[in-house]
Amino acid sequence: MAIEGTKALKTVRNEAQAQELINEGWMLLGLFDRKDGNDQYVEYHLGKPKSEDGGLWGKKEKTKLSDAL
């Protein structure tokens, strides 16, 4: 998704939260391994498209986050 086609950006650290956003029409833009002191976690970066048709990528389909990993 191009940044011009993005209405909002969001970062979450929980797979269930990321999946809920994907189910609501958000798109997974990336996931990143983070380390903060002794804590290590994954950040899920999601974007909300301006249009419901998925913008430049055509009609989007709802998928399971685990399928993308």
C-alpha atoms as a PDB file:
ATOM      1  CA  MET A   1       0.000   0.000   0.000  1.00  0.00           C
ATOM      2  CA  ALA A   2       1.410   3.364  -1.000  1.00  0.00           C
ATOM      3  CA  ILE A   3       1.622   5.997   1.734  1.00  0.00           C
ATOM      4  CA  GLU A   4      -0.716   8.210  -0.322  1.00  0.00           C
ATOM      5  CA  GLY A   5      -3.382   5.522  -0.013  1.00  0.00           C
ATOM      6  CA  THR A   6      -3.036   5.292   3.756  1.00  0.00           C
ATOM      7  CA  LYS A   7      -5.637   6.868   6.008  1.00  0.00           C
ATOM      8  CA  ALA A   8      -4.033   5.856   9.344  1.00  0.00           C
ATOM      9  CA  LEU A   9      -1.073   3.910  10.735  1.00  0.00           C
ATOM     10  CA  LYS A  10      -1.056   1.779  13.858  1.00  0.00           C
ATOM     11  CA  THR A  11       1.492  -0.348  15.720  1.00  0.00           C
ATOM     12  CA  VAL A  12       0.526  -3.187  18.062  1.00  0.00           C
ATOM     13  CA  ARG A  13       2.563  -5.830  19.901  1.00  0.00           C
ATOM     14  CA  ASN A  14      -0.020  -8.579  20.130  1.00  0.00           C
ATOM     15  CA  GLU A  15      -0.925 -11.054  17.362  1.00  0.00           C
ATOM     16  CA  ALA A  16      -4.587 -11.100  18.435  1.00  0.00           C
ATOM     17  CA  GLN A  17      -4.781  -7.293  18.209  1.00  0.00           C
ATOM     18  CA  ALA A  18      -3.148  -7.363  14.779  1.00  0.00           C
ATOM     19  CA  GLN A  19      -5.589 -10.024  13.564  1.00  0.00           C
ATOM     20  CA  GLU A  20      -8.545  -8.004  14.851  1.00  0.00           C
ATOM     21  CA  LEU A  21      -7.364  -4.954  12.900  1.00  0.00           C
ATOM     22  CA  ILE A  22      -6.840  -7.048   9.752  1.00  0.00           C
ATOM     23  CA  ASN A  23     -10.409  -8.337  10.133  1.00  0.00           C
ATOM     24  CA  GLU A  24     -11.556  -4.691  10.314  1.00  0.00           C
ATOM     25  CA  GLY A  25      -9.880  -3.885   6.982  1.00  0.00           C
ATOM     26  CA  TRP A  26      -6.386  -2.812   8.069  1.00  0.00           C
ATOM     27  CA  MET A  27      -3.434  -4.117   6.046  1.00  0.00           C
ATOM     28  CA  LEU A  28      -0.269  -5.609   7.530  1.00  0.00           C
ATOM     29  CA  LEU A  29       2.636  -3.437   6.372  1.00  0.00           C
ATOM     30  CA  GLY A  30       5.395  -5.186   8.267  1.00  0.00           C
ATOM     31  CA  LEU A  31       6.474  -6.907  11.428  1.00  0.00           C
ATOM     32  CA  PHE A  32       9.627  -6.154  13.301  1.00  0.00           C
ATOM     33  CA  ASP A  33      11.630  -7.895  16.009  1.00  0.00           C
ATOM     34  CA  ARG A  34      12.329  -5.482  18.870  1.00  0.00           C
ATOM     35  CA  LYS A  35      14.477  -5.718  21.975  1.00  0.00           C
ATOM     36  CA  ASP A  36      14.149  -3.426  24.997  1.00  0.00           C
ATOM     37  CA  GLY A  37      16.626  -4.352  27.710  1.00  0.00           C
ATOM     38  CA  ASN A  38      15.908  -8.003  28.490  1.00  0.00           C
ATOM     39  CA  ASP A  39      12.499  -7.958  26.759  1.00  0.00           C
ATOM     40  CA  GLN A  40      12.131  -9.109  23.159  1.00  0.00           C
ATOM     41  CA  TYR A  41       8.879  -8.753  21.236  1.00  0.00           C
ATOM     42  CA  VAL A  42       7.364  -8.332  17.780  1.00  0.00           C
ATOM     43  CA  GLU A  43       5.750  -5.117  16.564  1.00  0.00           C
ATOM     44  CA  TYR A  44       3.008  -5.374  13.938  1.00  0.00           C
ATOM     45  CA  HIS A  45       2.730  -2.262  11.747  1.00  0.00           C
ATOM     46  CA  LEU A  46      -0.639  -1.838  10.048  1.00  0.00           C
ATOM     47  CA  GLY A  47      -2.179   0.703   7.703  1.00  0.00           C
ATOM     48  CA  LYS A  48      -5.825   1.614   7.160  1.00  0.00           C
ATOM     49  CA  PRO A  49      -6.483   2.184   3.434  1.00  0.00           C
ATOM     50  CA  LYS A  50      -8.323   5.364   2.418  1.00  0.00           C
ATOM     51  CA  SER A  51     -10.588   3.302   0.173  1.00  0.00           C
ATOM     52  CA  GLU A  52     -12.193  -0.049   0.929  1.00  0.00           C
ATOM     53  CA  ASP A  53     -11.070  -1.507  -2.410  1.00  0.00           C
ATOM     54  CA  GLY A  54      -7.444  -1.770  -1.272  1.00  0.00           C
ATOM     55  CA  GLY A  55      -6.174   1.173  -3.319  1.00  0.00           C
ATOM     56  CA  LEU A  56      -3.365   0.335  -5.718  1.00  0.00           C
ATOM     57  CA  TRP A  57      -3.416  -3.368  -4.878  1.00  0.00           C
ATOM     58  CA  GLY A  58      -7.001  -3.961  -5.994  1.00  0.00           C
ATOM     59  CA  LYS A  59      -9.701  -5.596  -3.937  1.00  0.00           C
ATOM     60  CA  LYS A  60      -8.263  -6.834  -0.670  1.00  0.00           C
ATOM     61  CA  GLU A  61      -9.155 -10.124   0.926  1.00  0.00           C
ATOM     62  CA  LYS A  62      -9.343 -10.796   4.635  1.00  0.00           C
ATOM     63  CA  THR A  63      -6.641 -13.223   5.643  1.00  0.00           C
ATOM     64  CA  LYS A  64      -5.348 -14.773   8.811  1.00  0.00           C
ATOM     65  CA  LEU A  65      -2.210 -13.171  10.181  1.00  0.00           C
ATOM     66  CA  SER A  66      -0.678 -16.617  10.699  1.00  0.00           C
ATOM     67  CA  ASP A  67      -0.990 -17.241   6.925  1.00  0.00           C
ATOM     68  CA  ALA A  68       1.178 -14.186   6.248  1.00  0.00           C
ATOM     69  CA  LEU A  69       3.975 -15.312   8.546  1.00  0.00           C
END
